[in-house]
Amino acid sequence: MKKLIDYTKILRSKNAGPLFITFDLIFNSREDMKYVEQRLTKEQISKAYDVSTDKIDIISYDIVNSIKITFPRKNISGALADSDIYGCQQHMPLANIVL
């Protein structure tokens, strides 16, 4: 089996305001997107990021072969305990999910 990152052209994380983190998964083809869409679960994301499944949103954008995943940040962006103020270095646990 391959990792999620093997199916994407772009996989990135960033802030969605100071309270949320969002992930953009952009695919080369509709087939890759549909494959991931059918197999990637909130439970896998929950395990990778230690966040409750009911706080995870997964939104598909078929017209541009992409998926957006959003959930609350553990620490508010810029707080003393925050280690990534822009949220741009949070994508690797997601990228390494085996599908």
N, C-alpha and C. Protein backbone atom coordinates (compact mmCIF):
# COMPACT_ATOMS: atom_id res chain seq x y z
N MET A 1 0.83 -1.19 0.00
CA MET A 1 0.00 0.00 0.00
C MET A 1 0.88 1.25 0.00
N LYS A 2 0.31 2.31 -0.56
CA LYS A 2 1.03 3.57 -0.64
C LYS A 2 0.55 4.53 0.45
N LYS A 3 1.38 5.54 0.70
CA LYS A 3 1.02 6.59 1.64
C LYS A 3 0.18 7.65 0.93
N LEU A 4 -0.55 8.41 1.71
CA LEU A 4 -1.39 9.47 1.15
C LEU A 4 -0.59 10.41 0.25
N ILE A 5 0.60 10.77 0.66
CA ILE A 5 1.41 11.71 -0.12
C ILE A 5 1.71 11.19 -1.53
N ASP A 6 1.71 9.87 -1.70
CA ASP A 6 1.99 9.28 -3.00
C ASP A 6 0.87 9.54 -4.02
N TYR A 7 -0.31 9.91 -3.55
CA TYR A 7 -1.45 10.16 -4.42
C TYR A 7 -1.64 11.64 -4.74
N THR A 8 -0.93 12.51 -4.05
CA THR A 8 -1.15 13.95 -4.20
C THR A 8 -0.06 14.63 -5.02
N LYS A 9 -0.47 15.70 -5.67
CA LYS A 9 0.48 16.59 -6.34
C LYS A 9 0.98 17.61 -5.33
N ILE A 10 0.05 18.10 -4.50
CA ILE A 10 0.37 19.06 -3.44
C ILE A 10 -0.36 18.60 -2.18
N LEU A 11 0.36 18.57 -1.07
CA LEU A 11 -0.22 18.29 0.23
C LEU A 11 0.41 19.30 1.19
N ARG A 12 -0.40 20.24 1.67
CA ARG A 12 0.15 21.31 2.52
C ARG A 12 -0.79 21.60 3.68
N SER A 13 -0.22 22.20 4.70
CA SER A 13 -1.00 22.65 5.86
C SER A 13 -0.80 24.14 6.02
N LYS A 14 -1.79 24.77 6.64
CA LYS A 14 -1.71 26.20 6.92
C LYS A 14 -2.80 26.56 7.93
N ASN A 15 -2.68 27.74 8.49
CA ASN A 15 -3.71 28.22 9.41
C ASN A 15 -5.00 28.51 8.66
N ALA A 16 -6.09 28.30 9.36
CA ALA A 16 -7.40 28.75 8.92
C ALA A 16 -7.89 29.67 10.03
N GLY A 17 -7.26 30.82 10.13
CA GLY A 17 -7.46 31.70 11.28
C GLY A 17 -6.58 31.21 12.42
N PRO A 18 -6.61 31.87 13.56
CA PRO A 18 -5.72 31.50 14.67
C PRO A 18 -6.13 30.23 15.42
N LEU A 19 -7.35 29.76 15.19
CA LEU A 19 -7.87 28.65 15.98
C LEU A 19 -7.92 27.31 15.24
N PHE A 20 -7.78 27.34 13.92
CA PHE A 20 -7.92 26.12 13.13
C PHE A 20 -6.71 25.90 12.23
N ILE A 21 -6.49 24.64 11.89
CA ILE A 21 -5.48 24.26 10.90
C ILE A 21 -6.22 23.61 9.74
N THR A 22 -5.74 23.85 8.54
CA THR A 22 -6.37 23.26 7.37
C THR A 22 -5.32 22.61 6.49
N PHE A 23 -5.72 21.59 5.79
CA PHE A 23 -4.84 20.84 4.91
C PHE A 23 -5.44 20.85 3.52
N ASP A 24 -4.62 21.13 2.53
CA ASP A 24 -5.04 21.07 1.13
C ASP A 24 -4.40 19.86 0.49
N LEU A 25 -5.22 19.00 -0.08
CA LEU A 25 -4.74 17.84 -0.82
C LEU A 25 -5.16 18.06 -2.26
N ILE A 26 -4.20 18.24 -3.14
CA ILE A 26 -4.49 18.49 -4.55
C ILE A 26 -3.92 17.33 -5.35
N PHE A 27 -4.74 16.78 -6.23
CA PHE A 27 -4.41 15.55 -6.93
C PHE A 27 -4.15 15.80 -8.41
N ASN A 28 -3.34 14.93 -9.01
CA ASN A 28 -3.08 14.98 -10.44
C ASN A 28 -4.29 14.52 -11.25
N SER A 29 -5.08 13.62 -10.68
CA SER A 29 -6.20 13.06 -11.44
C SER A 29 -7.42 12.86 -10.56
N ARG A 30 -8.56 12.80 -11.19
CA ARG A 30 -9.82 12.52 -10.51
C ARG A 30 -9.77 11.12 -9.88
N GLU A 31 -9.14 10.18 -10.57
CA GLU A 31 -9.05 8.81 -10.07
C GLU A 31 -8.30 8.75 -8.74
N ASP A 32 -7.19 9.46 -8.64
CA ASP A 32 -6.44 9.49 -7.39
C ASP A 32 -7.26 10.14 -6.28
N MET A 33 -7.94 11.21 -6.61
CA MET A 33 -8.76 11.89 -5.62
C MET A 33 -9.87 10.96 -5.10
N LYS A 34 -10.56 10.30 -6.01
CA LYS A 34 -11.66 9.40 -5.61
C LYS A 34 -11.13 8.22 -4.79
N TYR A 35 -9.96 7.71 -5.15
CA TYR A 35 -9.35 6.62 -4.39
C TYR A 35 -9.13 7.05 -2.94
N VAL A 36 -8.52 8.21 -2.77
CA VAL A 36 -8.25 8.73 -1.43
C VAL A 36 -9.55 9.05 -0.70
N GLU A 37 -10.46 9.67 -1.39
CA GLU A 37 -11.75 10.06 -0.80
C GLU A 37 -12.49 8.84 -0.23
N GLN A 38 -12.39 7.72 -0.89
CA GLN A 38 -13.08 6.50 -0.44
C GLN A 38 -12.37 5.80 0.72
N ARG A 39 -11.08 6.09 0.91
CA ARG A 39 -10.31 5.35 1.91
C ARG A 39 -9.86 6.16 3.12
N LEU A 40 -9.67 7.45 2.96
CA LEU A 40 -9.22 8.28 4.07
C LEU A 40 -10.38 8.52 5.03
N THR A 41 -10.19 8.21 6.29
CA THR A 41 -11.26 8.34 7.28
C THR A 41 -10.92 9.36 8.36
N LYS A 42 -11.96 9.84 9.00
CA LYS A 42 -11.76 10.75 10.14
C LYS A 42 -11.01 10.03 11.27
N GLU A 43 -11.21 8.74 11.39
CA GLU A 43 -10.53 7.97 12.43
C GLU A 43 -9.01 7.97 12.20
N GLN A 44 -8.59 7.84 10.94
CA GLN A 44 -7.15 7.88 10.64
C GLN A 44 -6.56 9.25 10.98
N ILE A 45 -7.29 10.30 10.63
CA ILE A 45 -6.83 11.66 10.91
C ILE A 45 -6.81 11.90 12.42
N SER A 46 -7.85 11.44 13.10
CA SER A 46 -7.94 11.57 14.55
C SER A 46 -6.74 10.92 15.24
N LYS A 47 -6.38 9.75 14.79
CA LYS A 47 -5.24 9.03 15.37
C LYS A 47 -3.93 9.77 15.09
N ALA A 48 -3.77 10.29 13.88
CA ALA A 48 -2.53 10.97 13.50
C ALA A 48 -2.33 12.27 14.26
N TYR A 49 -3.44 12.96 14.60
CA TYR A 49 -3.33 14.29 15.20
C TYR A 49 -3.92 14.38 16.61
N ASP A 50 -4.39 13.27 17.14
CA ASP A 50 -4.99 13.26 18.49
C ASP A 50 -6.08 14.33 18.62
N VAL A 51 -7.02 14.28 17.67
CA VAL A 51 -8.15 15.19 17.69
C VAL A 51 -9.42 14.37 17.52
N SER A 52 -10.49 14.79 18.17
CA SER A 52 -11.75 14.07 18.12
C SER A 52 -12.34 14.07 16.71
N THR A 53 -12.88 12.93 16.30
CA THR A 53 -13.43 12.82 14.95
C THR A 53 -14.56 13.81 14.70
N ASP A 54 -15.30 14.17 15.73
CA ASP A 54 -16.42 15.10 15.52
C ASP A 54 -15.95 16.54 15.28
N LYS A 55 -14.67 16.80 15.44
CA LYS A 55 -14.12 18.13 15.19
C LYS A 55 -13.43 18.23 13.82
N ILE A 56 -13.41 17.14 13.07
CA ILE A 56 -12.73 17.10 11.78
C ILE A 56 -13.73 17.30 10.64
N ASP A 57 -13.43 18.23 9.76
CA ASP A 57 -14.23 18.44 8.55
C ASP A 57 -13.41 18.02 7.34
N ILE A 58 -14.03 17.23 6.47
CA ILE A 58 -13.40 16.82 5.22
C ILE A 58 -14.33 17.28 4.09
N ILE A 59 -13.80 18.13 3.22
CA ILE A 59 -14.61 18.71 2.15
C ILE A 59 -13.93 18.40 0.81
N SER A 60 -14.69 17.81 -0.10
CA SER A 60 -14.18 17.50 -1.43
C SER A 60 -14.59 18.58 -2.41
N TYR A 61 -13.66 18.93 -3.29
CA TYR A 61 -13.90 19.88 -4.37
C TYR A 61 -13.61 19.18 -5.69
N ASP A 62 -14.61 18.49 -6.20
CA ASP A 62 -14.43 17.67 -7.41
C ASP A 62 -13.94 18.48 -8.60
N ILE A 63 -14.43 19.69 -8.75
CA ILE A 63 -14.12 20.49 -9.93
C ILE A 63 -12.62 20.78 -10.07
N VAL A 64 -11.89 20.77 -8.95
CA VAL A 64 -10.45 21.04 -8.99
C VAL A 64 -9.63 19.88 -8.41
N ASN A 65 -10.22 18.70 -8.33
CA ASN A 65 -9.53 17.50 -7.85
C ASN A 65 -8.80 17.74 -6.53
N SER A 66 -9.53 18.24 -5.54
CA SER A 66 -8.88 18.52 -4.26
C SER A 66 -9.79 18.20 -3.08
N ILE A 67 -9.16 18.03 -1.94
CA ILE A 67 -9.84 17.78 -0.67
C ILE A 67 -9.25 18.72 0.36
N LYS A 68 -10.11 19.30 1.19
CA LYS A 68 -9.68 20.17 2.28
C LYS A 68 -10.08 19.49 3.59
N ILE A 69 -9.15 19.47 4.53
CA ILE A 69 -9.40 18.91 5.86
C ILE A 69 -9.11 20.00 6.87
N THR A 70 -10.03 20.22 7.80
CA THR A 70 -9.87 21.28 8.80
C THR A 70 -10.27 20.76 10.17
N PHE A 71 -9.50 21.17 11.18
CA PHE A 71 -9.86 20.88 12.57
C PHE A 71 -9.18 21.90 13.49
N PRO A 72 -9.62 22.00 14.75
CA PRO A 72 -9.04 22.98 15.66
C PRO A 72 -7.56 22.72 15.95
N ARG A 73 -6.80 23.80 16.07
CA ARG A 73 -5.39 23.71 16.48
C ARG A 73 -5.32 23.33 17.95
N LYS A 74 -4.27 22.64 18.33
CA LYS A 74 -4.07 22.32 19.76
C LYS A 74 -3.75 23.58 20.56
N ASN A 75 -2.98 24.49 19.95
CA ASN A 75 -2.63 25.76 20.59
C ASN A 75 -2.99 26.89 19.63
N ILE A 76 -3.49 27.95 20.17
CA ILE A 76 -3.81 29.12 19.35
C ILE A 76 -2.54 29.61 18.67
N SER A 77 -2.66 29.98 17.40
CA SER A 77 -1.51 30.48 16.65
C SER A 77 -0.87 31.66 17.39
N GLY A 78 0.41 31.55 17.65
CA GLY A 78 1.14 32.62 18.32
C GLY A 78 1.18 32.50 19.83
N ALA A 79 0.46 31.53 20.41
CA ALA A 79 0.51 31.32 21.86
C ALA A 79 1.90 30.82 22.25
N LEU A 80 2.26 30.98 23.50
CA LEU A 80 3.58 30.54 23.97
C LEU A 80 3.84 29.07 23.69
N ALA A 81 2.82 28.23 23.78
CA ALA A 81 2.99 26.80 23.55
C ALA A 81 2.96 26.41 22.07
N ASP A 82 2.68 27.37 21.20
CA ASP A 82 2.59 27.10 19.77
C ASP A 82 3.98 26.94 19.16
N SER A 83 4.17 25.85 18.40
CA SER A 83 5.48 25.60 17.80
C SER A 83 5.51 25.88 16.30
N ASP A 84 4.38 26.30 15.72
CA ASP A 84 4.30 26.54 14.28
C ASP A 84 3.26 27.62 14.03
N ILE A 85 3.67 28.86 14.16
CA ILE A 85 2.74 29.99 14.13
C ILE A 85 1.90 30.04 12.85
N TYR A 86 2.47 29.62 11.72
CA TYR A 86 1.74 29.66 10.45
C TYR A 86 1.02 28.35 10.13
N GLY A 87 1.27 27.32 10.90
CA GLY A 87 0.62 26.03 10.67
C GLY A 87 1.11 25.32 9.42
N CYS A 88 2.24 25.74 8.89
CA CYS A 88 2.71 25.23 7.59
C CYS A 88 3.59 23.99 7.69
N GLN A 89 3.80 23.49 8.91
CA GLN A 89 4.66 22.33 9.05
C GLN A 89 3.94 21.19 9.77
N GLN A 90 2.65 21.10 9.54
CA GLN A 90 1.83 20.10 10.23
C GLN A 90 1.35 18.97 9.33
N HIS A 91 1.77 18.94 8.09
CA HIS A 91 1.21 18.02 7.11
C HIS A 91 1.79 16.60 7.12
N MET A 92 2.95 16.38 7.71
CA MET A 92 3.59 15.07 7.59
C MET A 92 2.82 13.92 8.26
N PRO A 93 2.20 14.07 9.43
CA PRO A 93 1.41 12.94 9.93
C PRO A 93 0.30 12.54 8.95
N LEU A 94 -0.32 13.51 8.31
CA LEU A 94 -1.34 13.22 7.31
C LEU A 94 -0.71 12.56 6.09
N ALA A 95 0.40 13.10 5.62
CA ALA A 95 1.08 12.58 4.43
C ALA A 95 1.47 11.12 4.59
N ASN A 96 1.77 10.70 5.80
CA ASN A 96 2.25 9.35 6.04
C ASN A 96 1.17 8.31 6.34
N ILE A 97 -0.09 8.72 6.27
CA ILE A 97 -1.18 7.75 6.47
C ILE A 97 -1.16 6.75 5.31
N VAL A 98 -1.17 5.49 5.64
CA VAL A 98 -1.16 4.43 4.62
C VAL A 98 -2.60 4.14 4.21
N LEU A 99 -2.81 4.13 2.91
CA LEU A 99 -4.17 3.87 2.38
C LEU A 99 -4.22 2.51 1.72
